[in-house]
Amino acid sequence: MAREYEPVVGQWYENVDENESFRVLSVDEDAELIEVEYLDGDIEEVDLETWREMDLDKIEEPEGWSASHGEDKEEEEDDDLDDWDEDEEDEDDEDEDDDDEDEDWDEEEEENDRY
């Protein structure tokens, strides 16, 4: 028989049947959804009916886990996006330089045509 625990934000649980540990990130009572994060950083939404069917144990925060573990992953993704934006800006700058060179070339051709 499944042990029923109410989902508590920040609490760690072990799904005994699946041998998976996770913590509750948020509970949306209106939508009856619980957002959980597994040890590997994967995030999933579980509906309340599924939650009640799981055989859960409350557990302590796993060793080596830090509260910012999932946040670090998000920050890395943000940093990657920032790097991409910077690369795109650099390419834009190079394109502008190329445009300036093209204009200079056109002006030289016009001057040569006059002579």
C-alpha atoms as a PDB file:
ATOM      1  CA  MET A   1       0.000   0.000   0.000  1.00  0.00           C
ATOM      2  CA  ALA A   2       1.308   3.442  -0.933  1.00  0.00           C
ATOM      3  CA  ARG A   3       2.126   5.818   1.867  1.00  0.00           C
ATOM      4  CA  GLU A   4       0.426   9.098   1.247  1.00  0.00           C
ATOM      5  CA  TYR A   5       2.382  12.237   1.945  1.00  0.00           C
ATOM      6  CA  GLU A   6       1.212  15.681   0.990  1.00  0.00           C
ATOM      7  CA  PRO A   7       3.700  17.269  -1.407  1.00  0.00           C
ATOM      8  CA  VAL A   8       5.781  19.836   0.458  1.00  0.00           C
ATOM      9  CA  VAL A   9       7.934  22.318  -1.455  1.00  0.00           C
ATOM     10  CA  GLY A  10      11.614  21.663  -0.744  1.00  0.00           C
ATOM     11  CA  GLN A  11      10.985  18.202   0.752  1.00  0.00           C
ATOM     12  CA  TRP A  12      12.891  15.224  -0.668  1.00  0.00           C
ATOM     13  CA  TYR A  13      11.121  11.940  -1.369  1.00  0.00           C
ATOM     14  CA  GLU A  14      12.069   8.534  -2.671  1.00  0.00           C
ATOM     15  CA  ASN A  15       9.729   6.744  -5.039  1.00  0.00           C
ATOM     16  CA  VAL A  16      10.235   3.250  -3.603  1.00  0.00           C
ATOM     17  CA  ASP A  17       8.858   1.408  -6.650  1.00  0.00           C
ATOM     18  CA  GLU A  18      11.121   3.285  -9.093  1.00  0.00           C
ATOM     19  CA  ASN A  19      14.072   3.710  -6.693  1.00  0.00           C
ATOM     20  CA  GLU A  20      14.234   7.415  -7.647  1.00  0.00           C
ATOM     21  CA  SER A  21      14.859  10.376  -5.387  1.00  0.00           C
ATOM     22  CA  PHE A  22      13.414  13.803  -6.066  1.00  0.00           C
ATOM     23  CA  ARG A  23      12.444  17.035  -4.391  1.00  0.00           C
ATOM     24  CA  VAL A  24       9.276  19.038  -4.778  1.00  0.00           C
ATOM     25  CA  LEU A  25       9.847  22.371  -6.530  1.00  0.00           C
ATOM     26  CA  SER A  26       6.279  23.667  -6.579  1.00  0.00           C
ATOM     27  CA  VAL A  27       2.692  22.674  -5.973  1.00  0.00           C
ATOM     28  CA  ASP A  28      -0.101  24.121  -8.091  1.00  0.00           C
ATOM     29  CA  GLU A  29      -3.239  23.281  -6.150  1.00  0.00           C
ATOM     30  CA  ASP A  30      -5.570  24.769  -8.776  1.00  0.00           C
ATOM     31  CA  ALA A  31      -4.121  22.688 -11.625  1.00  0.00           C
ATOM     32  CA  GLU A  32      -3.405  19.764  -9.252  1.00  0.00           C
ATOM     33  CA  LEU A  33       0.194  19.559 -10.503  1.00  0.00           C
ATOM     34  CA  ILE A  34       3.384  18.973  -8.557  1.00  0.00           C
ATOM     35  CA  GLU A  35       6.700  19.981 -10.125  1.00  0.00           C
ATOM     36  CA  VAL A  36       9.573  17.723  -9.054  1.00  0.00           C
ATOM     37  CA  GLU A  37      13.298  17.675  -9.731  1.00  0.00           C
ATOM     38  CA  TYR A  38      15.249  14.435  -9.832  1.00  0.00           C
ATOM     39  CA  LEU A  39      18.861  13.954  -8.749  1.00  0.00           C
ATOM     40  CA  ASP A  40      20.075  14.219 -12.354  1.00  0.00           C
ATOM     41  CA  GLY A  41      18.455  17.662 -12.670  1.00  0.00           C
ATOM     42  CA  ASP A  42      15.500  16.527 -14.797  1.00  0.00           C
ATOM     43  CA  ILE A  43      12.288  18.364 -13.951  1.00  0.00           C
ATOM     44  CA  GLU A  44       8.865  16.818 -14.372  1.00  0.00           C
ATOM     45  CA  GLU A  45       5.270  17.662 -13.555  1.00  0.00           C
ATOM     46  CA  VAL A  46       3.251  15.001 -11.785  1.00  0.00           C
ATOM     47  CA  ASP A  47      -0.522  15.189 -11.469  1.00  0.00           C
ATOM     48  CA  LEU A  48      -2.039  14.776  -8.026  1.00  0.00           C
ATOM     49  CA  GLU A  49      -3.644  11.423  -8.886  1.00  0.00           C
ATOM     50  CA  THR A  50      -0.254   9.981  -9.920  1.00  0.00           C
ATOM     51  CA  TRP A  51       1.320  11.455  -6.783  1.00  0.00           C
ATOM     52  CA  ARG A  52      -1.211   9.632  -4.590  1.00  0.00           C
ATOM     53  CA  GLU A  53      -0.469   6.324  -6.349  1.00  0.00           C
ATOM     54  CA  MET A  54       3.294   6.517  -5.722  1.00  0.00           C
ATOM     55  CA  ASP A  55       4.854   4.608  -2.826  1.00  0.00           C
ATOM     56  CA  LEU A  56       6.892   7.411  -1.270  1.00  0.00           C
ATOM     57  CA  ASP A  57       9.263   7.762   1.639  1.00  0.00           C
ATOM     58  CA  LYS A  58      10.365  11.123   2.979  1.00  0.00           C
ATOM     59  CA  ILE A  59      14.155  11.309   2.867  1.00  0.00           C
ATOM     60  CA  GLU A  60      16.911  13.703   3.836  1.00  0.00           C
ATOM     61  CA  GLU A  61      18.581  15.830   1.179  1.00  0.00           C
ATOM     62  CA  PRO A  62      21.028  13.521  -0.629  1.00  0.00           C
ATOM     63  CA  GLU A  63      24.721  13.909   0.124  1.00  0.00           C
ATOM     64  CA  GLY A  64      26.522  16.134  -2.354  1.00  0.00           C
ATOM     65  CA  TRP A  65      23.318  17.873  -3.371  1.00  0.00           C
ATOM     66  CA  SER A  66      23.203  21.617  -2.904  1.00  0.00           C
ATOM     67  CA  ALA A  67      20.084  23.759  -3.031  1.00  0.00           C
ATOM     68  CA  SER A  68      21.601  25.633  -5.960  1.00  0.00           C
ATOM     69  CA  HIS A  69      22.300  22.456  -7.991  1.00  0.00           C
ATOM     70  CA  GLY A  70      19.383  22.998 -10.362  1.00  0.00           C
ATOM     71  CA  GLU A  71      19.927  26.760 -10.382  1.00  0.00           C
ATOM     72  CA  ASP A  72      23.558  26.289 -11.505  1.00  0.00           C
ATOM     73  CA  LYS A  73      22.338  24.329 -14.508  1.00  0.00           C
ATOM     74  CA  GLU A  74      19.943  27.149 -15.439  1.00  0.00           C
ATOM     75  CA  GLU A  75      22.717  29.746 -15.007  1.00  0.00           C
ATOM     76  CA  GLU A  76      24.998  27.733 -17.312  1.00  0.00           C
ATOM     77  CA  GLU A  77      22.254  27.685 -19.942  1.00  0.00           C
ATOM     78  CA  ASP A  78      21.827  31.456 -19.528  1.00  0.00           C
ATOM     79  CA  ASP A  79      25.594  31.916 -19.913  1.00  0.00           C
ATOM     80  CA  ASP A  80      25.508  29.878 -23.114  1.00  0.00           C
ATOM     81  CA  LEU A  81      22.771  32.141 -24.441  1.00  0.00           C
ATOM     82  CA  ASP A  82      24.790  35.214 -23.476  1.00  0.00           C
ATOM     83  CA  ASP A  83      27.802  33.824 -25.351  1.00  0.00           C
ATOM     84  CA  TRP A  84      25.633  33.191 -28.413  1.00  0.00           C
ATOM     85  CA  ASP A  85      24.320  36.775 -28.281  1.00  0.00           C
ATOM     86  CA  GLU A  86      27.874  38.123 -28.055  1.00  0.00           C
ATOM     87  CA  ASP A  87      28.978  36.005 -31.013  1.00  0.00           C
ATOM     88  CA  GLU A  88      26.057  37.293 -33.054  1.00  0.00           C
ATOM     89  CA  GLU A  89      26.940  40.902 -32.140  1.00  0.00           C
ATOM     90  CA  ASP A  90      30.556  40.301 -33.213  1.00  0.00           C
ATOM     91  CA  GLU A  91      29.357  39.011 -36.569  1.00  0.00           C
ATOM     92  CA  ASP A  92      27.146  42.085 -36.953  1.00  0.00           C
ATOM     93  CA  ASP A  93      30.164  44.317 -36.286  1.00  0.00           C
ATOM     94  CA  GLU A  94      32.168  42.445 -38.928  1.00  0.00           C
ATOM     95  CA  ASP A  95      29.322  42.841 -41.424  1.00  0.00           C
ATOM     96  CA  GLU A  96      29.287  46.589 -40.780  1.00  0.00           C
ATOM     97  CA  ASP A  97      33.056  46.724 -41.385  1.00  0.00           C
ATOM     98  CA  ASP A  98      32.577  44.824 -44.646  1.00  0.00           C
ATOM     99  CA  ASP A  99      29.900  47.310 -45.696  1.00  0.00           C
ATOM    100  CA  ASP A 100      32.295  50.200 -45.036  1.00  0.00           C
ATOM    101  CA  GLU A 101      34.982  48.519 -47.153  1.00  0.00           C
ATOM    102  CA  ASP A 102      32.464  47.961 -49.967  1.00  0.00           C
ATOM    103  CA  GLU A 103      31.535  51.647 -49.904  1.00  0.00           C
ATOM    104  CA  ASP A 104      35.225  52.636 -50.058  1.00  0.00           C
ATOM    105  CA  TRP A 105      35.742  50.290 -53.008  1.00  0.00           C
ATOM    106  CA  ASP A 106      32.720  51.742 -54.836  1.00  0.00           C
ATOM    107  CA  GLU A 107      34.012  55.292 -54.305  1.00  0.00           C
ATOM    108  CA  GLU A 108      37.463  54.336 -55.669  1.00  0.00           C
ATOM    109  CA  GLU A 109      35.885  52.773 -58.758  1.00  0.00           C
ATOM    110  CA  GLU A 110      33.837  55.921 -59.370  1.00  0.00           C
ATOM    111  CA  GLU A 111      36.939  58.086 -59.107  1.00  0.00           C
ATOM    112  CA  ASN A 112      38.840  55.815 -61.496  1.00  0.00           C
ATOM    113  CA  ASP A 113      35.932  55.925 -63.960  1.00  0.00           C
ATOM    114  CA  ARG A 114      36.120  59.732 -64.037  1.00  0.00           C
ATOM    115  CA  TYR A 115      39.702  59.717 -65.277  1.00  0.00           C
END
